[in-house]
PDB file of N, CA and C in Angstrom:
ATOM      1  N   MET A   1      43.342  87.094  -4.709  1.00  0.00           N
ATOM      2  CA  MET A   1      42.812  86.656  -5.995  1.00  0.00           C
ATOM      3  C   MET A   1      42.820  87.816  -6.968  1.00  0.00           C
ATOM      4  N   ALA A   2      42.551  87.552  -8.197  1.00  0.00           N
ATOM      5  CA  ALA A   2      42.630  88.544  -9.257  1.00  0.00           C
ATOM      6  C   ALA A   2      41.589  89.637  -9.078  1.00  0.00           C
ATOM      7  N   GLU A   3      41.893  90.826  -9.604  1.00  0.00           N
ATOM      8  CA  GLU A   3      40.960  91.933  -9.548  1.00  0.00           C
ATOM      9  C   GLU A   3      39.895  91.817 -10.633  1.00  0.00           C
ATOM     10  N   THR A   4      40.169  91.062 -11.641  1.00  0.00           N
ATOM     11  CA  THR A   4      39.222  90.875 -12.736  1.00  0.00           C
ATOM     12  C   THR A   4      38.583  89.505 -12.618  1.00  0.00           C
ATOM     13  N   ASN A   5      37.452  89.352 -13.261  1.00  0.00           N
ATOM     14  CA  ASN A   5      36.784  88.061 -13.228  1.00  0.00           C
ATOM     15  C   ASN A   5      36.836  87.378 -14.584  1.00  0.00           C
ATOM     16  N   THR A   6      37.860  87.681 -15.365  1.00  0.00           N
ATOM     17  CA  THR A   6      38.027  87.038 -16.663  1.00  0.00           C
ATOM     18  C   THR A   6      39.345  86.280 -16.694  1.00  0.00           C
ATOM     19  N   ALA A   7      39.286  85.070 -17.180  1.00  0.00           N
ATOM     20  CA  ALA A   7      40.482  84.241 -17.328  1.00  0.00           C
ATOM     21  C   ALA A   7      40.554  83.745 -18.764  1.00  0.00           C
ATOM     22  N   THR A   8      41.761  83.585 -19.259  1.00  0.00           N
ATOM     23  CA  THR A   8      41.971  83.022 -20.585  1.00  0.00           C
ATOM     24  C   THR A   8      42.520  81.618 -20.407  1.00  0.00           C
ATOM     25  N   LEU A   9      41.882  80.667 -21.046  1.00  0.00           N
ATOM     26  CA  LEU A   9      42.246  79.253 -20.928  1.00  0.00           C
ATOM     27  C   LEU A   9      42.578  78.702 -22.302  1.00  0.00           C
ATOM     28  N   TYR A  10      43.717  78.058 -22.400  1.00  0.00           N
ATOM     29  CA  TYR A  10      44.105  77.327 -23.607  1.00  0.00           C
ATOM     30  C   TYR A  10      44.094  75.854 -23.249  1.00  0.00           C
ATOM     31  N   ARG A  11      43.279  75.068 -23.958  1.00  0.00           N
ATOM     32  CA  ARG A  11      43.163  73.653 -23.628  1.00  0.00           C
ATOM     33  C   ARG A  11      43.066  72.803 -24.883  1.00  0.00           C
ATOM     34  N   MET A  12      43.470  71.554 -24.742  1.00  0.00           N
ATOM     35  CA  MET A  12      43.533  70.630 -25.862  1.00  0.00           C
ATOM     36  C   MET A  12      42.227  69.850 -26.003  1.00  0.00           C
ATOM     37  N   VAL A  13      41.646  69.932 -27.201  1.00  0.00           N
ATOM     38  CA  VAL A  13      40.473  69.128 -27.558  1.00  0.00           C
ATOM     39  C   VAL A  13      40.739  68.586 -28.954  1.00  0.00           C
ATOM     40  N   LEU A  14      41.330  67.400 -28.990  1.00  0.00           N
ATOM     41  CA  LEU A  14      41.652  66.757 -30.265  1.00  0.00           C
ATOM     42  C   LEU A  14      40.503  65.850 -30.682  1.00  0.00           C
ATOM     43  N   PRO A  15      40.440  65.469 -31.957  1.00  0.00           N
ATOM     44  CA  PRO A  15      39.349  64.605 -32.415  1.00  0.00           C
ATOM     45  C   PRO A  15      39.219  63.307 -31.606  1.00  0.00           C
ATOM     46  N   ASP A  16      40.348  62.766 -31.140  1.00  0.00           N
ATOM     47  CA  ASP A  16      40.293  61.492 -30.419  1.00  0.00           C
ATOM     48  C   ASP A  16      40.630  61.623 -28.936  1.00  0.00           C
ATOM     49  N   HIS A  17      40.750  62.873 -28.438  1.00  0.00           N
ATOM     50  CA  HIS A  17      41.111  63.054 -27.030  1.00  0.00           C
ATOM     51  C   HIS A  17      40.722  64.444 -26.541  1.00  0.00           C
ATOM     52  N   VAL A  18      39.966  64.485 -25.455  1.00  0.00           N
ATOM     53  CA  VAL A  18      39.676  65.736 -24.762  1.00  0.00           C
ATOM     54  C   VAL A  18      40.448  65.690 -23.453  1.00  0.00           C
ATOM     55  N   CYS A  19      41.348  66.651 -23.261  1.00  0.00           N
ATOM     56  CA  CYS A  19      42.185  66.659 -22.072  1.00  0.00           C
ATOM     57  C   CYS A  19      41.332  66.882 -20.826  1.00  0.00           C
ATOM     58  N   PRO A  20      41.328  65.928 -19.898  1.00  0.00           N
ATOM     59  CA  PRO A  20      40.512  66.080 -18.691  1.00  0.00           C
ATOM     60  C   PRO A  20      40.989  67.217 -17.790  1.00  0.00           C
ATOM     61  N   PHE A  21      42.266  67.550 -17.857  1.00  0.00           N
ATOM     62  CA  PHE A  21      42.785  68.655 -17.039  1.00  0.00           C
ATOM     63  C   PHE A  21      42.263  69.993 -17.545  1.00  0.00           C
ATOM     64  N   GLY A  22      42.081  70.115 -18.852  1.00  0.00           N
ATOM     65  CA  GLY A  22      41.490  71.322 -19.425  1.00  0.00           C
ATOM     66  C   GLY A  22      40.029  71.466 -19.031  1.00  0.00           C
ATOM     67  N   VAL A  23      39.306  70.366 -19.054  1.00  0.00           N
ATOM     68  CA  VAL A  23      37.904  70.372 -18.629  1.00  0.00           C
ATOM     69  C   VAL A  23      37.827  70.778 -17.155  1.00  0.00           C
ATOM     70  N   ARG A  24      38.706  70.218 -16.340  1.00  0.00           N
ATOM     71  CA  ARG A  24      38.728  70.527 -14.911  1.00  0.00           C
ATOM     72  C   ARG A  24      39.065  71.999 -14.673  1.00  0.00           C
ATOM     73  N   ALA A  25      40.044  72.524 -15.393  1.00  0.00           N
ATOM     74  CA  ALA A  25      40.429  73.924 -15.230  1.00  0.00           C
ATOM     75  C   ALA A  25      39.263  74.854 -15.581  1.00  0.00           C
ATOM     76  N   LYS A  26      38.573  74.572 -16.667  1.00  0.00           N
ATOM     77  CA  LYS A  26      37.436  75.400 -17.072  1.00  0.00           C
ATOM     78  C   LYS A  26      36.347  75.357 -16.007  1.00  0.00           C
ATOM     79  N   ASP A  27      36.062  74.190 -15.505  1.00  0.00           N
ATOM     80  CA  ASP A  27      35.048  74.029 -14.467  1.00  0.00           C
ATOM     81  C   ASP A  27      35.436  74.794 -13.200  1.00  0.00           C
ATOM     82  N   ARG A  28      36.684  74.680 -12.774  1.00  0.00           N
ATOM     83  CA  ARG A  28      37.148  75.365 -11.555  1.00  0.00           C
ATOM     84  C   ARG A  28      37.069  76.883 -11.707  1.00  0.00           C
ATOM     85  N   LEU A  29      37.480  77.375 -12.881  1.00  0.00           N
ATOM     86  CA  LEU A  29      37.406  78.814 -13.121  1.00  0.00           C
ATOM     87  C   LEU A  29      35.966  79.316 -13.069  1.00  0.00           C
ATOM     88  N   GLU A  30      35.068  78.607 -13.729  1.00  0.00           N
ATOM     89  CA  GLU A  30      33.661  79.024 -13.732  1.00  0.00           C
ATOM     90  C   GLU A  30      33.072  78.971 -12.328  1.00  0.00           C
ATOM     91  N   LYS A  31      33.381  77.937 -11.575  1.00  0.00           N
ATOM     92  CA  LYS A  31      32.874  77.834 -10.194  1.00  0.00           C
ATOM     93  C   LYS A  31      33.447  78.926  -9.301  1.00  0.00           C
ATOM     94  N   ALA A  32      34.640  79.433  -9.634  1.00  0.00           N
ATOM     95  CA  ALA A  32      35.257  80.506  -8.861  1.00  0.00           C
ATOM     96  C   ALA A  32      34.744  81.883  -9.310  1.00  0.00           C
ATOM     97  N   GLY A  33      33.842  81.905 -10.284  1.00  0.00           N
ATOM     98  CA  GLY A  33      33.229  83.154 -10.714  1.00  0.00           C
ATOM     99  C   GLY A  33      33.892  83.837 -11.885  1.00  0.00           C
ATOM    100  N   TYR A  34      34.800  83.162 -12.555  1.00  0.00           N
ATOM    101  CA  TYR A  34      35.480  83.740 -13.710  1.00  0.00           C
ATOM    102  C   TYR A  34      34.677  83.516 -14.980  1.00  0.00           C
ATOM    103  N   SER A  35      34.692  84.518 -15.833  1.00  0.00           N
ATOM    104  CA  SER A  35      34.241  84.357 -17.203  1.00  0.00           C
ATOM    105  C   SER A  35      35.451  83.809 -17.956  1.00  0.00           C
ATOM    106  N   VAL A  36      35.262  82.726 -18.689  1.00  0.00           N
ATOM    107  CA  VAL A  36      36.393  82.043 -19.313  1.00  0.00           C
ATOM    108  C   VAL A  36      36.429  82.320 -20.810  1.00  0.00           C
ATOM    109  N   ASP A  37      37.543  82.906 -21.241  1.00  0.00           N
ATOM    110  CA  ASP A  37      37.829  83.074 -22.662  1.00  0.00           C
ATOM    111  C   ASP A  37      38.518  81.772 -23.080  1.00  0.00           C
ATOM    112  N   ASP A  38      37.732  80.846 -23.598  1.00  0.00           N
ATOM    113  CA  ASP A  38      38.155  79.465 -23.833  1.00  0.00           C
ATOM    114  C   ASP A  38      38.734  79.303 -25.228  1.00  0.00           C
ATOM    115  N   HIS A  39      40.033  79.012 -25.292  1.00  0.00           N
ATOM    116  CA  HIS A  39      40.711  78.786 -26.566  1.00  0.00           C
ATOM    117  C   HIS A  39      40.989  77.290 -26.711  1.00  0.00           C
ATOM    118  N   VAL A  40      40.291  76.663 -27.623  1.00  0.00           N
ATOM    119  CA  VAL A  40      40.443  75.229 -27.854  1.00  0.00           C
ATOM    120  C   VAL A  40      41.551  75.000 -28.876  1.00  0.00           C
ATOM    121  N   LEU A  41      42.520  74.201 -28.493  1.00  0.00           N
ATOM    122  CA  LEU A  41      43.614  73.795 -29.384  1.00  0.00           C
ATOM    123  C   LEU A  41      43.200  72.458 -29.976  1.00  0.00           C
ATOM    124  N   SER A  42      42.844  72.468 -31.268  1.00  0.00           N
ATOM    125  CA  SER A  42      42.139  71.310 -31.833  1.00  0.00           C
ATOM    126  C   SER A  42      42.967  70.413 -32.737  1.00  0.00           C
ATOM    127  N   SER A  43      44.281  70.635 -32.775  1.00  0.00           N
ATOM    128  CA  SER A  43      45.136  69.721 -33.534  1.00  0.00           C
ATOM    129  C   SER A  43      46.472  69.597 -32.816  1.00  0.00           C
ATOM    130  N   ARG A  44      47.170  68.532 -33.055  1.00  0.00           N
ATOM    131  CA  ARG A  44      48.488  68.334 -32.436  1.00  0.00           C
ATOM    132  C   ARG A  44      49.427  69.466 -32.844  1.00  0.00           C
ATOM    133  N   GLU A  45      49.331  69.905 -34.102  1.00  0.00           N
ATOM    134  CA  GLU A  45      50.187  70.989 -34.581  1.00  0.00           C
ATOM    135  C   GLU A  45      49.912  72.281 -33.822  1.00  0.00           C
ATOM    136  N   THR A  46      48.637  72.577 -33.569  1.00  0.00           N
ATOM    137  CA  THR A  46      48.259  73.783 -32.829  1.00  0.00           C
ATOM    138  C   THR A  46      48.746  73.713 -31.388  1.00  0.00           C
ATOM    139  N   VAL A  47      48.605  72.554 -30.772  1.00  0.00           N
ATOM    140  CA  VAL A  47      49.090  72.357 -29.405  1.00  0.00           C
ATOM    141  C   VAL A  47      50.603  72.565 -29.361  1.00  0.00           C
ATOM    142  N   ASP A  48      51.321  71.918 -30.266  1.00  0.00           N
ATOM    143  CA  ASP A  48      52.783  72.033 -30.297  1.00  0.00           C
ATOM    144  C   ASP A  48      53.225  73.476 -30.516  1.00  0.00           C
ATOM    145  N   ALA A  49      52.556  74.197 -31.410  1.00  0.00           N
ATOM    146  CA  ALA A  49      52.902  75.593 -31.683  1.00  0.00           C
ATOM    147  C   ALA A  49      52.633  76.467 -30.457  1.00  0.00           C
ATOM    148  N   PHE A  50      51.517  76.244 -29.794  1.00  0.00           N
ATOM    149  CA  PHE A  50      51.204  77.003 -28.578  1.00  0.00           C
ATOM    150  C   PHE A  50      52.267  76.767 -27.509  1.00  0.00           C
ATOM    151  N   GLU A  51      52.598  75.513 -27.277  1.00  0.00           N
ATOM    152  CA  GLU A  51      53.597  75.175 -26.255  1.00  0.00           C
ATOM    153  C   GLU A  51      54.948  75.803 -26.579  1.00  0.00           C
ATOM    154  N   ALA A  52      55.351  75.772 -27.841  1.00  0.00           N
ATOM    155  CA  ALA A  52      56.629  76.366 -28.238  1.00  0.00           C
ATOM    156  C   ALA A  52      56.603  77.886 -28.059  1.00  0.00           C
ATOM    157  N   GLU A  53      55.520  78.509 -28.444  1.00  0.00           N
ATOM    158  CA  GLU A  53      55.398  79.970 -28.340  1.00  0.00           C
ATOM    159  C   GLU A  53      55.475  80.450 -26.890  1.00  0.00           C
ATOM    160  N   HIS A  54      54.873  79.677 -25.984  1.00  0.00           N
ATOM    161  CA  HIS A  54      54.792  80.100 -24.583  1.00  0.00           C
ATOM    162  C   HIS A  54      55.857  79.452 -23.693  1.00  0.00           C
ATOM    163  N   GLY A  55      56.688  78.596 -24.272  1.00  0.00           N
ATOM    164  CA  GLY A  55      57.749  77.965 -23.498  1.00  0.00           C
ATOM    165  C   GLY A  55      57.235  77.030 -22.420  1.00  0.00           C
ATOM    166  N   VAL A  56      56.153  76.322 -22.717  1.00  0.00           N
ATOM    167  CA  VAL A  56      55.571  75.362 -21.781  1.00  0.00           C
ATOM    168  C   VAL A  56      55.567  73.981 -22.420  1.00  0.00           C
ATOM    169  N   THR A  57      55.371  72.964 -21.602  1.00  0.00           N
ATOM    170  CA  THR A  57      55.368  71.599 -22.134  1.00  0.00           C
ATOM    171  C   THR A  57      54.036  70.890 -21.952  1.00  0.00           C
ATOM    172  N   THR A  58      53.056  71.597 -21.379  1.00  0.00           N
ATOM    173  CA  THR A  58      51.752  70.971 -21.152  1.00  0.00           C
ATOM    174  C   THR A  58      50.627  71.963 -21.394  1.00  0.00           C
ATOM    175  N   THR A  59      49.464  71.421 -21.650  1.00  0.00           N
ATOM    176  CA  THR A  59      48.224  72.182 -21.625  1.00  0.00           C
ATOM    177  C   THR A  59      47.312  71.440 -20.654  1.00  0.00           C
ATOM    178  N   PRO A  60      46.386  72.136 -20.039  1.00  0.00           N
ATOM    179  CA  PRO A  60      45.958  73.508 -20.271  1.00  0.00           C
ATOM    180  C   PRO A  60      46.930  74.519 -19.675  1.00  0.00           C
ATOM    181  N   GLN A  61      46.748  75.755 -20.113  1.00  0.00           N
ATOM    182  CA  GLN A  61      47.451  76.888 -19.526  1.00  0.00           C
ATOM    183  C   GLN A  61      46.418  77.982 -19.271  1.00  0.00           C
ATOM    184  N   VAL A  62      46.498  78.557 -18.076  1.00  0.00           N
ATOM    185  CA  VAL A  62      45.551  79.580 -17.641  1.00  0.00           C
ATOM    186  C   VAL A  62      46.295  80.907 -17.493  1.00  0.00           C
ATOM    187  N   PHE A  63      45.662  81.973 -17.987  1.00  0.00           N
ATOM    188  CA  PHE A  63      46.182  83.332 -17.849  1.00  0.00           C
ATOM    189  C   PHE A  63      45.109  84.181 -17.171  1.00  0.00           C
ATOM    190  N   ILE A  64      45.512  84.940 -16.160  1.00  0.00           N
ATOM    191  CA  ILE A  64      44.617  85.875 -15.485  1.00  0.00           C
ATOM    192  C   ILE A  64      45.341  87.211 -15.413  1.00  0.00           C
ATOM    193  N   ASP A  65      44.676  88.272 -15.838  1.00  0.00           N
ATOM    194  CA  ASP A  65      45.289  89.610 -15.892  1.00  0.00           C
ATOM    195  C   ASP A  65      46.589  89.602 -16.687  1.00  0.00           C
ATOM    196  N   GLY A  66      46.651  88.802 -17.750  1.00  0.00           N
ATOM    197  CA  GLY A  66      47.837  88.748 -18.591  1.00  0.00           C
ATOM    198  C   GLY A  66      48.986  87.947 -18.004  1.00  0.00           C
ATOM    199  N   GLU A  67      48.807  87.437 -16.807  1.00  0.00           N
ATOM    200  CA  GLU A  67      49.848  86.647 -16.141  1.00  0.00           C
ATOM    201  C   GLU A  67      49.542  85.161 -16.304  1.00  0.00           C
ATOM    202  N   ARG A  68      50.571  84.410 -16.702  1.00  0.00           N
ATOM    203  CA  ARG A  68      50.372  82.964 -16.822  1.00  0.00           C
ATOM    204  C   ARG A  68      50.353  82.365 -15.434  1.00  0.00           C
ATOM    205  N   ILE A  69      49.242  81.756 -15.097  1.00  0.00           N
ATOM    206  CA  ILE A  69      49.091  81.066 -13.817  1.00  0.00           C
ATOM    207  C   ILE A  69      49.720  79.689 -13.917  1.00  0.00           C
ATOM    208  N   GLY A  70      49.528  79.035 -15.055  1.00  0.00           N
ATOM    209  CA  GLY A  70      50.081  77.710 -15.285  1.00  0.00           C
ATOM    210  C   GLY A  70      48.994  76.725 -15.629  1.00  0.00           C
ATOM    211  N   GLY A  71      49.259  75.469 -15.311  1.00  0.00           N
ATOM    212  CA  GLY A  71      48.336  74.389 -15.634  1.00  0.00           C
ATOM    213  C   GLY A  71      47.283  74.181 -14.570  1.00  0.00           C
ATOM    214  N   SER A  72      46.638  73.045 -14.635  1.00  0.00           N
ATOM    215  CA  SER A  72      45.518  72.730 -13.756  1.00  0.00           C
ATOM    216  C   SER A  72      45.916  72.727 -12.274  1.00  0.00           C
ATOM    217  N   ASP A  73      47.020  72.089 -11.936  1.00  0.00           N
ATOM    218  CA  ASP A  73      47.470  72.063 -10.535  1.00  0.00           C
ATOM    219  C   ASP A  73      47.861  73.456 -10.055  1.00  0.00           C
ATOM    220  N   ASP A  74      48.513  74.229 -10.913  1.00  0.00           N
ATOM    221  CA  ASP A  74      48.874  75.606 -10.569  1.00  0.00           C
ATOM    222  C   ASP A  74      47.623  76.440 -10.322  1.00  0.00           C
ATOM    223  N   LEU A  75      46.607  76.228 -11.129  1.00  0.00           N
ATOM    224  CA  LEU A  75      45.345  76.934 -10.957  1.00  0.00           C
ATOM    225  C   LEU A  75      44.733  76.605  -9.605  1.00  0.00           C
ATOM    226  N   GLU A  76      44.758  75.339  -9.227  1.00  0.00           N
ATOM    227  CA  GLU A  76      44.215  74.940  -7.919  1.00  0.00           C
ATOM    228  C   GLU A  76      44.903  75.711  -6.798  1.00  0.00           C
ATOM    229  N   ARG A  77      46.237  75.798  -6.849  1.00  0.00           N
ATOM    230  CA  ARG A  77      46.983  76.531  -5.823  1.00  0.00           C
ATOM    231  C   ARG A  77      46.627  78.021  -5.862  1.00  0.00           C
ATOM    232  N   TYR A  78      46.499  78.591  -7.053  1.00  0.00           N
ATOM    233  CA  TYR A  78      46.159  80.005  -7.204  1.00  0.00           C
ATOM    234  C   TYR A  78      44.793  80.295  -6.588  1.00  0.00           C
ATOM    235  N   LEU A  79      43.822  79.460  -6.883  1.00  0.00           N
ATOM    236  CA  LEU A  79      42.472  79.683  -6.372  1.00  0.00           C
ATOM    237  C   LEU A  79      42.398  79.483  -4.859  1.00  0.00           C
ATOM    238  N   ALA A  80      43.271  78.664  -4.315  1.00  0.00           N
ATOM    239  CA  ALA A  80      43.264  78.408  -2.866  1.00  0.00           C
ATOM    240  C   ALA A  80      43.922  79.534  -2.086  1.00  0.00           C
ATOM    241  N   SER A  81      44.688  80.382  -2.765  1.00  0.00           N
ATOM    242  CA  SER A  81      45.396  81.448  -2.032  1.00  0.00           C
ATOM    243  C   SER A  81      44.532  82.648  -1.764  1.00  0.00           C
TER     244      SER A  81
END
């Protein structure tokens, strides 16, 4: 597991939709003892720009020690290792 206890999370929270995978990722990180630097992507334009910048097609995205872990399922595998 990571040497640091801080994770950066980018997740989608739109006016009409809160991504359940982002909520799950935040919960899993906190339960694993991470302090979460939570970045809420609050518009479709912001989500699209984030995805384009990072070359990903989904949110949430988790970063630990500057390394992209990936989405919610990737986080589960990371925490299990």
